[in-house]
C-alpha atoms as a PDB file:
ATOM      1  CA  MET A   1       0.000   0.000   0.000  1.00  0.00           C
ATOM      2  CA  THR A   2       1.265   3.471  -0.844  1.00  0.00           C
ATOM      3  CA  TRP A   3       0.780   6.062   1.839  1.00  0.00           C
ATOM      4  CA  SER A   4      -0.209   9.528   0.681  1.00  0.00           C
ATOM      5  CA  PRO A   5      -1.689  12.654   2.255  1.00  0.00           C
ATOM      6  CA  SER A   6      -5.050  11.610   0.798  1.00  0.00           C
ATOM      7  CA  CYS A   7      -5.121   8.500   2.987  1.00  0.00           C
ATOM      8  CA  VAL A   8      -6.955  10.118   5.899  1.00  0.00           C
ATOM      9  CA  ARG A   9      -9.997   8.464   7.422  1.00  0.00           C
ATOM     10  CA  ALA A  10     -12.177   9.362  10.386  1.00  0.00           C
ATOM     11  CA  GLY A  11     -10.029  12.390  11.216  1.00  0.00           C
ATOM     12  CA  ARG A  12      -6.879  10.289  11.623  1.00  0.00           C
ATOM     13  CA  PRO A  13      -3.937  11.497   9.466  1.00  0.00           C
ATOM     14  CA  ALA A  14      -1.961   9.035   7.410  1.00  0.00           C
ATOM     15  CA  LEU A  15       1.465   8.008   8.655  1.00  0.00           C
ATOM     16  CA  SER A  16       3.161  10.047   5.922  1.00  0.00           C
ATOM     17  CA  VAL A  17       1.424  13.183   7.117  1.00  0.00           C
ATOM     18  CA  ILE A  18       2.616  12.544  10.668  1.00  0.00           C
ATOM     19  CA  LEU A  19       6.177  11.877   9.496  1.00  0.00           C
ATOM     20  CA  TYR A  20       6.154  14.954   7.260  1.00  0.00           C
ATOM     21  CA  ALA A  21       5.011  17.137  10.127  1.00  0.00           C
ATOM     22  CA  ALA A  22       7.696  15.681  12.352  1.00  0.00           C
ATOM     23  CA  VAL A  23      10.393  16.397   9.771  1.00  0.00           C
ATOM     24  CA  LEU A  24       9.211  19.974   9.443  1.00  0.00           C
ATOM     25  CA  ALA A  25       9.409  20.357  13.211  1.00  0.00           C
ATOM     26  CA  LEU A  26      13.005  19.134  13.454  1.00  0.00           C
ATOM     27  CA  PRO A  27      14.768  22.416  12.590  1.00  0.00           C
ATOM     28  CA  ALA A  28      12.684  24.251  15.155  1.00  0.00           C
ATOM     29  CA  GLN A  29      14.088  22.063  17.908  1.00  0.00           C
ATOM     30  CA  GLY A  30      17.451  23.821  17.526  1.00  0.00           C
ATOM     31  CA  GLN A  31      15.990  27.311  17.495  1.00  0.00           C
ATOM     32  CA  HIS A  32      16.310  27.948  21.202  1.00  0.00           C
ATOM     33  CA  SER A  33      18.872  30.039  23.030  1.00  0.00           C
ATOM     34  CA  VAL A  34      21.184  28.440  25.571  1.00  0.00           C
ATOM     35  CA  VAL A  35      22.633  29.918  28.756  1.00  0.00           C
ATOM     36  CA  ASN A  36      25.389  28.283  30.777  1.00  0.00           C
ATOM     37  CA  ASP A  37      26.698  30.141  33.817  1.00  0.00           C
ATOM     38  CA  ALA A  38      29.366  27.648  34.878  1.00  0.00           C
ATOM     39  CA  PHE A  39      31.973  27.583  32.103  1.00  0.00           C
ATOM     40  CA  GLU A  40      35.545  27.495  33.426  1.00  0.00           C
ATOM     41  CA  MET A  41      38.982  28.351  32.114  1.00  0.00           C
ATOM     42  CA  GLU A  42      42.453  28.325  33.639  1.00  0.00           C
ATOM     43  CA  SER A  43      44.251  31.646  34.005  1.00  0.00           C
ATOM     44  CA  GLU A  44      48.022  31.807  34.265  1.00  0.00           C
ATOM     45  CA  ILE A  45      47.877  35.550  34.865  1.00  0.00           C
ATOM     46  CA  LEU A  46      45.544  35.220  37.873  1.00  0.00           C
ATOM     47  CA  ASP A  47      46.865  31.773  38.837  1.00  0.00           C
ATOM     48  CA  SER A  48      43.343  30.467  39.302  1.00  0.00           C
ATOM     49  CA  THR A  49      40.337  28.861  37.658  1.00  0.00           C
ATOM     50  CA  ARG A  50      37.988  31.513  36.337  1.00  0.00           C
ATOM     51  CA  LYS A  51      34.271  31.105  35.690  1.00  0.00           C
ATOM     52  CA  TYR A  52      32.169  32.834  33.079  1.00  0.00           C
ATOM     53  CA  ALA A  53      28.625  32.641  31.751  1.00  0.00           C
ATOM     54  CA  VAL A  54      27.598  32.470  28.100  1.00  0.00           C
ATOM     55  CA  TYR A  55      24.397  33.232  26.202  1.00  0.00           C
ATOM     56  CA  LEU A  56      24.178  31.529  22.798  1.00  0.00           C
ATOM     57  CA  PRO A  57      21.378  32.883  20.585  1.00  0.00           C
ATOM     58  CA  PRO A  58      18.585  30.855  18.965  1.00  0.00           C
ATOM     59  CA  GLY A  59      19.932  28.895  16.015  1.00  0.00           C
ATOM     60  CA  TYR A  60      23.538  28.798  17.219  1.00  0.00           C
ATOM     61  CA  ASP A  61      23.597  24.996  17.463  1.00  0.00           C
ATOM     62  CA  THR A  62      22.086  24.477  14.012  1.00  0.00           C
ATOM     63  CA  SER A  63      24.127  27.025  12.084  1.00  0.00           C
ATOM     64  CA  GLU A  64      27.743  27.339  11.055  1.00  0.00           C
ATOM     65  CA  ARG A  65      27.877  31.134  11.028  1.00  0.00           C
ATOM     66  CA  SER A  66      29.940  33.293  13.360  1.00  0.00           C
ATOM     67  CA  TYR A  67      28.298  35.859  15.618  1.00  0.00           C
ATOM     68  CA  PRO A  68      29.065  39.279  17.063  1.00  0.00           C
ATOM     69  CA  VAL A  69      29.804  39.381  20.769  1.00  0.00           C
ATOM     70  CA  LEU A  70      28.768  41.498  23.734  1.00  0.00           C
ATOM     71  CA  TYR A  71      30.887  41.368  26.893  1.00  0.00           C
ATOM     72  CA  LEU A  72      28.381  42.038  29.683  1.00  0.00           C
ATOM     73  CA  LEU A  73      29.923  42.910  33.061  1.00  0.00           C
ATOM     74  CA  HIS A  74      28.300  42.466  36.479  1.00  0.00           C
ATOM     75  CA  GLY A  75      28.389  44.816  39.466  1.00  0.00           C
ATOM     76  CA  ALA A  76      30.129  44.621  42.840  1.00  0.00           C
ATOM     77  CA  GLY A  77      28.955  41.704  44.962  1.00  0.00           C
ATOM     78  CA  ASP A  78      27.659  39.683  42.012  1.00  0.00           C
ATOM     79  CA  ASP A  79      29.545  37.227  39.837  1.00  0.00           C
ATOM     80  CA  GLN A  80      29.106  35.720  36.383  1.00  0.00           C
ATOM     81  CA  THR A  81      25.584  34.584  37.330  1.00  0.00           C
ATOM     82  CA  GLY A  82      24.311  38.101  38.088  1.00  0.00           C
ATOM     83  CA  TRP A  83      23.020  39.005  34.627  1.00  0.00           C
ATOM     84  CA  VAL A  84      21.630  35.476  34.238  1.00  0.00           C
ATOM     85  CA  GLN A  85      19.787  35.299  37.540  1.00  0.00           C
ATOM     86  CA  PHE A  86      18.782  38.897  38.239  1.00  0.00           C
ATOM     87  CA  GLY A  87      19.123  40.516  34.824  1.00  0.00           C
ATOM     88  CA  GLU A  88      17.113  37.783  33.053  1.00  0.00           C
ATOM     89  CA  VAL A  89      19.518  38.051  30.138  1.00  0.00           C
ATOM     90  CA  GLN A  90      18.167  34.996  28.321  1.00  0.00           C
ATOM     91  CA  HIS A  91      14.583  36.213  28.328  1.00  0.00           C
ATOM     92  CA  MET A  92      15.566  39.789  27.470  1.00  0.00           C
ATOM     93  CA  ALA A  93      17.902  38.820  24.636  1.00  0.00           C
ATOM     94  CA  ASP A  94      15.486  36.239  23.196  1.00  0.00           C
ATOM     95  CA  ARG A  95      12.705  38.797  23.098  1.00  0.00           C
ATOM     96  CA  ALA A  96      14.898  41.534  21.587  1.00  0.00           C
ATOM     97  CA  ILE A  97      16.146  39.180  18.879  1.00  0.00           C
ATOM     98  CA  ALA A  98      12.677  37.787  18.113  1.00  0.00           C
ATOM     99  CA  SER A  99      11.238  41.302  17.754  1.00  0.00           C
ATOM    100  CA  GLY A 100      14.035  42.413  15.437  1.00  0.00           C
ATOM    101  CA  GLN A 101      15.354  44.998  17.903  1.00  0.00           C
ATOM    102  CA  ALA A 102      18.638  43.130  18.251  1.00  0.00           C
ATOM    103  CA  THR A 103      20.687  40.912  16.007  1.00  0.00           C
ATOM    104  CA  PRO A 104      21.623  37.406  17.219  1.00  0.00           C
ATOM    105  CA  MET A 105      24.801  37.657  19.257  1.00  0.00           C
ATOM    106  CA  VAL A 106      26.901  35.742  21.767  1.00  0.00           C
ATOM    107  CA  ILE A 107      26.986  37.315  25.231  1.00  0.00           C
ATOM    108  CA  ILE A 108      29.952  36.643  27.521  1.00  0.00           C
ATOM    109  CA  MET A 109      29.613  37.384  31.255  1.00  0.00           C
ATOM    110  CA  PRO A 110      32.874  36.913  33.220  1.00  0.00           C
ATOM    111  CA  ASP A 111      33.317  36.629  36.995  1.00  0.00           C
ATOM    112  CA  ALA A 112      35.165  39.596  38.508  1.00  0.00           C
ATOM    113  CA  ASN A 113      34.287  38.861  42.121  1.00  0.00           C
ATOM    114  CA  THR A 114      36.494  35.856  42.942  1.00  0.00           C
ATOM    115  CA  GLY A 115      39.914  36.621  44.355  1.00  0.00           C
ATOM    116  CA  VAL A 116      40.264  40.409  44.189  1.00  0.00           C
ATOM    117  CA  ARG A 117      37.029  42.170  43.277  1.00  0.00           C
ATOM    118  CA  GLY A 118      37.091  44.382  40.191  1.00  0.00           C
ATOM    119  CA  TYR A 119      37.880  44.565  36.469  1.00  0.00           C
ATOM    120  CA  PHE A 120      41.261  46.323  36.674  1.00  0.00           C
ATOM    121  CA  ASN A 121      44.829  45.481  37.531  1.00  0.00           C
ATOM    122  CA  ASP A 122      45.478  46.474  41.135  1.00  0.00           C
ATOM    123  CA  VAL A 123      47.756  49.328  42.174  1.00  0.00           C
ATOM    124  CA  THR A 124      50.743  47.047  42.737  1.00  0.00           C
ATOM    125  CA  ASN A 125      50.097  45.113  39.520  1.00  0.00           C
ATOM    126  CA  GLU A 126      50.097  41.859  41.474  1.00  0.00           C
ATOM    127  CA  TRP A 127      46.445  41.088  40.585  1.00  0.00           C
ATOM    128  CA  ARG A 128      46.110  41.722  36.846  1.00  0.00           C
ATOM    129  CA  TYR A 129      42.445  41.249  35.983  1.00  0.00           C
ATOM    130  CA  GLU A 130      42.430  43.641  33.027  1.00  0.00           C
ATOM    131  CA  ASP A 131      45.420  41.809  31.530  1.00  0.00           C
ATOM    132  CA  PHE A 132      43.559  38.535  32.081  1.00  0.00           C
ATOM    133  CA  PHE A 133      40.490  39.909  30.291  1.00  0.00           C
ATOM    134  CA  PHE A 134      42.324  41.015  27.155  1.00  0.00           C
ATOM    135  CA  GLU A 135      45.131  38.456  27.010  1.00  0.00           C
ATOM    136  CA  GLU A 136      43.361  35.287  28.163  1.00  0.00           C
ATOM    137  CA  LEU A 137      39.573  35.557  28.400  1.00  0.00           C
ATOM    138  CA  MET A 138      38.876  37.208  25.051  1.00  0.00           C
ATOM    139  CA  PRO A 139      41.151  34.883  23.023  1.00  0.00           C
ATOM    140  CA  HIS A 140      39.715  31.880  24.895  1.00  0.00           C
ATOM    141  CA  VAL A 141      36.023  32.586  24.285  1.00  0.00           C
ATOM    142  CA  GLU A 142      36.548  33.914  20.763  1.00  0.00           C
ATOM    143  CA  THR A 143      38.193  30.602  19.897  1.00  0.00           C
ATOM    144  CA  LYS A 144      35.846  28.314  21.841  1.00  0.00           C
ATOM    145  CA  PHE A 145      32.690  29.888  20.381  1.00  0.00           C
ATOM    146  CA  ARG A 146      31.941  31.031  16.846  1.00  0.00           C
ATOM    147  CA  ILE A 147      32.604  34.720  17.470  1.00  0.00           C
ATOM    148  CA  LYS A 148      33.645  37.345  14.939  1.00  0.00           C
ATOM    149  CA  ARG A 149      36.920  38.933  16.001  1.00  0.00           C
ATOM    150  CA  GLN A 150      36.780  42.323  14.317  1.00  0.00           C
ATOM    151  CA  LYS A 151      36.227  45.554  16.285  1.00  0.00           C
ATOM    152  CA  ARG A 152      32.967  46.173  14.424  1.00  0.00           C
ATOM    153  CA  TYR A 153      31.452  42.995  15.874  1.00  0.00           C
ATOM    154  CA  ARG A 154      32.561  43.450  19.497  1.00  0.00           C
ATOM    155  CA  ALA A 155      30.850  45.495  22.228  1.00  0.00           C
ATOM    156  CA  VAL A 156      31.098  45.917  25.988  1.00  0.00           C
ATOM    157  CA  ALA A 157      28.464  46.902  28.553  1.00  0.00           C
ATOM    158  CA  GLY A 158      27.953  46.578  32.282  1.00  0.00           C
ATOM    159  CA  LEU A 159      26.314  47.933  35.402  1.00  0.00           C
ATOM    160  CA  SER A 160      27.784  49.809  38.375  1.00  0.00           C
ATOM    161  CA  MET A 161      31.282  48.351  38.889  1.00  0.00           C
ATOM    162  CA  GLY A 162      30.809  46.693  35.507  1.00  0.00           C
ATOM    163  CA  GLY A 163      29.800  50.060  34.069  1.00  0.00           C
ATOM    164  CA  GLY A 164      33.179  51.314  35.232  1.00  0.00           C
ATOM    165  CA  GLY A 165      34.762  48.302  33.588  1.00  0.00           C
ATOM    166  CA  SER A 166      32.927  49.137  30.368  1.00  0.00           C
ATOM    167  CA  PHE A 167      34.243  52.695  30.458  1.00  0.00           C
ATOM    168  CA  MET A 168      37.806  51.597  31.146  1.00  0.00           C
ATOM    169  CA  TYR A 169      37.984  48.772  28.642  1.00  0.00           C
ATOM    170  CA  ALA A 170      36.633  50.894  25.781  1.00  0.00           C
ATOM    171  CA  LEU A 171      38.807  53.881  26.751  1.00  0.00           C
ATOM    172  CA  HIS A 172      41.957  51.800  27.241  1.00  0.00           C
ATOM    173  CA  ARG A 173      41.355  49.745  24.079  1.00  0.00           C
ATOM    174  CA  PRO A 174      39.165  51.727  21.661  1.00  0.00           C
ATOM    175  CA  ASP A 175      40.678  49.665  18.857  1.00  0.00           C
ATOM    176  CA  LEU A 176      38.777  46.590  20.086  1.00  0.00           C
ATOM    177  CA  PHE A 177      35.179  47.753  20.653  1.00  0.00           C
ATOM    178  CA  SER A 178      32.609  49.203  18.294  1.00  0.00           C
ATOM    179  CA  SER A 179      30.226  50.169  21.122  1.00  0.00           C
ATOM    180  CA  ALA A 180      30.289  50.645  24.883  1.00  0.00           C
ATOM    181  CA  ALA A 181      27.278  50.956  27.191  1.00  0.00           C
ATOM    182  CA  PRO A 182      28.093  51.855  30.819  1.00  0.00           C
ATOM    183  CA  LEU A 183      24.967  51.613  32.986  1.00  0.00           C
ATOM    184  CA  SER A 184      24.829  53.371  36.367  1.00  0.00           C
ATOM    185  CA  ALA A 185      28.598  53.342  36.136  1.00  0.00           C
ATOM    186  CA  TRP A 186      31.116  53.850  38.887  1.00  0.00           C
ATOM    187  CA  VAL A 187      33.367  56.184  36.912  1.00  0.00           C
ATOM    188  CA  GLY A 188      36.383  55.481  39.120  1.00  0.00           C
ATOM    189  CA  PRO A 189      38.110  56.902  42.188  1.00  0.00           C
ATOM    190  CA  GLU A 190      38.365  60.683  42.507  1.00  0.00           C
ATOM    191  CA  SER A 191      41.114  60.884  45.133  1.00  0.00           C
ATOM    192  CA  ALA A 192      43.621  58.731  46.979  1.00  0.00           C
ATOM    193  CA  GLU A 193      41.597  59.002  50.183  1.00  0.00           C
ATOM    194  CA  GLN A 194      38.362  57.988  48.498  1.00  0.00           C
ATOM    195  CA  TYR A 195      40.017  55.023  46.828  1.00  0.00           C
ATOM    196  CA  ARG A 196      41.569  53.852  50.106  1.00  0.00           C
ATOM    197  CA  ASN A 197      38.134  53.956  51.740  1.00  0.00           C
ATOM    198  CA  THR A 198      36.583  51.980  48.868  1.00  0.00           C
ATOM    199  CA  MET A 199      39.291  49.329  49.038  1.00  0.00           C
ATOM    200  CA  ARG A 200      38.886  49.001  52.803  1.00  0.00           C
ATOM    201  CA  ARG A 201      35.190  48.260  52.328  1.00  0.00           C
ATOM    202  CA  TRP A 202      36.235  45.556  49.863  1.00  0.00           C
ATOM    203  CA  GLY A 203      38.693  44.039  52.351  1.00  0.00           C
ATOM    204  CA  ASN A 204      41.941  45.535  51.025  1.00  0.00           C
ATOM    205  CA  ASP A 205      43.768  48.199  53.065  1.00  0.00           C
ATOM    206  CA  LEU A 206      46.329  48.757  50.241  1.00  0.00           C
ATOM    207  CA  GLY A 207      49.209  48.152  52.651  1.00  0.00           C
ATOM    208  CA  SER A 208      52.225  50.344  51.889  1.00  0.00           C
ATOM    209  CA  VAL A 209      50.880  51.867  48.659  1.00  0.00           C
ATOM    210  CA  THR A 210      51.705  55.585  48.620  1.00  0.00           C
ATOM    211  CA  ASP A 211      49.385  58.448  47.692  1.00  0.00           C
ATOM    212  CA  GLU A 212      51.674  59.194  44.751  1.00  0.00           C
ATOM    213  CA  GLN A 213      51.159  55.664  43.431  1.00  0.00           C
ATOM    214  CA  LEU A 214      47.426  56.011  43.939  1.00  0.00           C
ATOM    215  CA  GLU A 215      47.256  59.326  42.081  1.00  0.00           C
ATOM    216  CA  ALA A 216      49.034  57.794  39.084  1.00  0.00           C
ATOM    217  CA  TYR A 217      46.643  54.861  39.221  1.00  0.00           C
ATOM    218  CA  ILE A 218      43.581  57.107  39.462  1.00  0.00           C
ATOM    219  CA  ALA A 219      44.688  59.099  36.429  1.00  0.00           C
ATOM    220  CA  ARG A 220      44.385  55.906  34.386  1.00  0.00           C
ATOM    221  CA  HIS A 221      41.241  54.555  36.050  1.00  0.00           C
ATOM    222  CA  ASN A 222      38.916  57.531  36.322  1.00  0.00           C
ATOM    223  CA  ALA A 223      36.638  57.744  33.291  1.00  0.00           C
ATOM    224  CA  VAL A 224      36.087  61.497  33.523  1.00  0.00           C
ATOM    225  CA  ARG A 225      39.833  62.190  33.582  1.00  0.00           C
ATOM    226  CA  LEU A 226      40.401  59.897  30.614  1.00  0.00           C
ATOM    227  CA  LEU A 227      37.567  61.526  28.686  1.00  0.00           C
ATOM    228  CA  GLU A 228      39.248  64.878  29.346  1.00  0.00           C
ATOM    229  CA  THR A 229      42.743  63.808  28.291  1.00  0.00           C
ATOM    230  CA  LEU A 230      42.647  61.024  25.700  1.00  0.00           C
ATOM    231  CA  PRO A 231      42.600  61.941  21.994  1.00  0.00           C
ATOM    232  CA  ALA A 232      39.034  62.794  20.982  1.00  0.00           C
ATOM    233  CA  ASP A 233      39.355  60.752  17.785  1.00  0.00           C
ATOM    234  CA  ASP A 234      40.170  57.610  19.773  1.00  0.00           C
ATOM    235  CA  ILE A 235      37.205  58.099  22.096  1.00  0.00           C
ATOM    236  CA  SER A 236      34.908  58.894  19.155  1.00  0.00           C
ATOM    237  CA  SER A 237      35.872  55.670  17.397  1.00  0.00           C
ATOM    238  CA  VAL A 238      33.612  53.929  19.949  1.00  0.00           C
ATOM    239  CA  ARG A 239      29.834  54.401  19.957  1.00  0.00           C
ATOM    240  CA  TRP A 240      28.766  55.382  23.483  1.00  0.00           C
ATOM    241  CA  PHE A 241      25.507  54.791  25.361  1.00  0.00           C
ATOM    242  CA  ILE A 242      25.518  56.094  28.955  1.00  0.00           C
ATOM    243  CA  ASP A 243      22.477  55.445  31.152  1.00  0.00           C
ATOM    244  CA  CYS A 244      21.879  56.321  34.810  1.00  0.00           C
ATOM    245  CA  GLY A 245      18.780  56.728  36.978  1.00  0.00           C
ATOM    246  CA  ASP A 246      17.793  60.110  38.398  1.00  0.00           C
ATOM    247  CA  ASP A 247      17.771  58.615  41.902  1.00  0.00           C
ATOM    248  CA  ASP A 248      21.075  56.751  41.497  1.00  0.00           C
ATOM    249  CA  PHE A 249      23.838  57.670  43.951  1.00  0.00           C
ATOM    250  CA  LEU A 250      26.298  57.511  41.023  1.00  0.00           C
ATOM    251  CA  TYR A 251      24.465  60.165  38.988  1.00  0.00           C
ATOM    252  CA  LYS A 252      27.203  62.781  39.479  1.00  0.00           C
ATOM    253  CA  GLY A 253      30.035  60.881  37.800  1.00  0.00           C
ATOM    254  CA  ASN A 254      27.831  59.839  34.884  1.00  0.00           C
ATOM    255  CA  SER A 255      26.625  63.416  34.422  1.00  0.00           C
ATOM    256  CA  GLU A 256      30.221  64.706  34.506  1.00  0.00           C
ATOM    257  CA  ALA A 257      31.205  62.178  31.835  1.00  0.00           C
ATOM    258  CA  HIS A 258      28.341  63.422  29.671  1.00  0.00           C
ATOM    259  CA  ILE A 259      29.333  67.079  30.155  1.00  0.00           C
ATOM    260  CA  VAL A 260      32.970  66.407  29.227  1.00  0.00           C
ATOM    261  CA  MET A 261      31.917  64.533  26.102  1.00  0.00           C
ATOM    262  CA  ARG A 262      29.544  67.338  25.109  1.00  0.00           C
ATOM    263  CA  ASP A 263      32.258  69.957  25.669  1.00  0.00           C
ATOM    264  CA  ARG A 264      34.702  67.961  23.519  1.00  0.00           C
ATOM    265  CA  GLU A 265      32.009  67.270  20.885  1.00  0.00           C
ATOM    266  CA  ILE A 266      32.373  63.511  21.294  1.00  0.00           C
ATOM    267  CA  PRO A 267      29.226  61.792  19.950  1.00  0.00           C
ATOM    268  CA  HIS A 268      27.325  59.748  22.520  1.00  0.00           C
ATOM    269  CA  GLU A 269      23.875  58.854  23.789  1.00  0.00           C
ATOM    270  CA  PHE A 270      23.058  59.921  27.340  1.00  0.00           C
ATOM    271  CA  ARG A 271      19.951  58.768  29.198  1.00  0.00           C
ATOM    272  CA  ILE A 272      18.579  59.798  32.565  1.00  0.00           C
ATOM    273  CA  ARG A 273      15.439  57.861  33.450  1.00  0.00           C
ATOM    274  CA  ASP A 274      13.312  57.559  36.551  1.00  0.00           C
ATOM    275  CA  GLY A 275      14.894  55.014  38.865  1.00  0.00           C
ATOM    276  CA  GLY A 276      17.734  54.123  41.156  1.00  0.00           C
ATOM    277  CA  HIS A 277      20.601  51.677  41.483  1.00  0.00           C
ATOM    278  CA  THR A 278      18.398  48.610  41.042  1.00  0.00           C
ATOM    279  CA  TRP A 279      17.928  45.530  38.900  1.00  0.00           C
ATOM    280  CA  THR A 280      14.521  46.878  37.899  1.00  0.00           C
ATOM    281  CA  TYR A 281      16.326  49.786  36.244  1.00  0.00           C
ATOM    282  CA  TRP A 282      18.983  47.619  34.563  1.00  0.00           C
ATOM    283  CA  ARG A 283      16.484  45.081  33.246  1.00  0.00           C
ATOM    284  CA  ASP A 284      14.731  47.963  31.501  1.00  0.00           C
ATOM    285  CA  SER A 285      18.077  49.163  30.135  1.00  0.00           C
ATOM    286  CA  LEU A 286      19.243  45.847  28.703  1.00  0.00           C
ATOM    287  CA  PRO A 287      16.920  45.653  25.640  1.00  0.00           C
ATOM    288  CA  VAL A 288      17.915  49.201  24.697  1.00  0.00           C
ATOM    289  CA  VAL A 289      21.594  48.280  25.024  1.00  0.00           C
ATOM    290  CA  LEU A 290      21.112  45.191  22.849  1.00  0.00           C
ATOM    291  CA  ALA A 291      19.445  47.319  20.176  1.00  0.00           C
ATOM    292  CA  PHE A 292      22.180  49.975  20.421  1.00  0.00           C
ATOM    293  CA  VAL A 293      25.131  47.598  20.002  1.00  0.00           C
ATOM    294  CA  SER A 294      23.270  45.808  17.183  1.00  0.00           C
ATOM    295  CA  GLN A 295      23.307  49.005  15.125  1.00  0.00           C
ATOM    296  CA  ALA A 296      27.079  48.702  14.745  1.00  0.00           C
ATOM    297  CA  PHE A 297      26.840  44.959  14.171  1.00  0.00           C
ATOM    298  CA  HIS A 298      24.328  45.663  11.373  1.00  0.00           C
ATOM    299  CA  GLN A 299      26.469  48.410   9.770  1.00  0.00           C
ATOM    300  CA  TYR A 300      24.228  51.326  10.680  1.00  0.00           C
END
């Protein structure tokens, strides 16, 4: 007997119809995003095992294409799971991609809370997290996953401490990032005394580090100072999106960064919305950030 779609009796489809429907459904099974917040890599620079989380967009497993990448940085007290657990990155990214607001991308979320907290090398250069990020983490993930390695297809964003990391990474290495989106950013220490107090709260009294050493360090790790002193063309080679709530205790530094960029005629987007230093605020920011970085990925 030959089965055909016409062989349907009493509302029961023929076997060929069932098989055909099943075949059609197979590609859809791979069209789901994946999040894993427990990837590990060994770091020689930090002499430790480092964890990171990854978002892989719908279709990653069934395609052979390479994707743009967003490095998404957490705030103080969180780790690589912060954007996954509290930021709902999978849901937010899936929805932004499905609606056409954002292009499919890989999102990398590293842990900067284990060991010494923060995204920078420390004052003594004994803990070299920024070196780890550029020299070990980026090459590792951009080899392990199908990630495009050109500046145009790479972006960085983050909240609070991670907003400061976003500022620093894009200002220190504007050759690597097409877009940067600091959210509610800590723009960096303003004085040696302030930085000592911050480090004490984080469990580091800085030992015998002198104020002179700290001042040199601050000059390289305060976003406002860098925006005032670095070549405008280098800063302008990055697309900037700065966002901070009107009730956020970090509003001053973000506003100063905006004023400096306006005075130097450096193109950027600056948003002040109703809200404070909360995940509610950052969850609302994330879809806008995904759309913003996608503009460069799409060749705006």
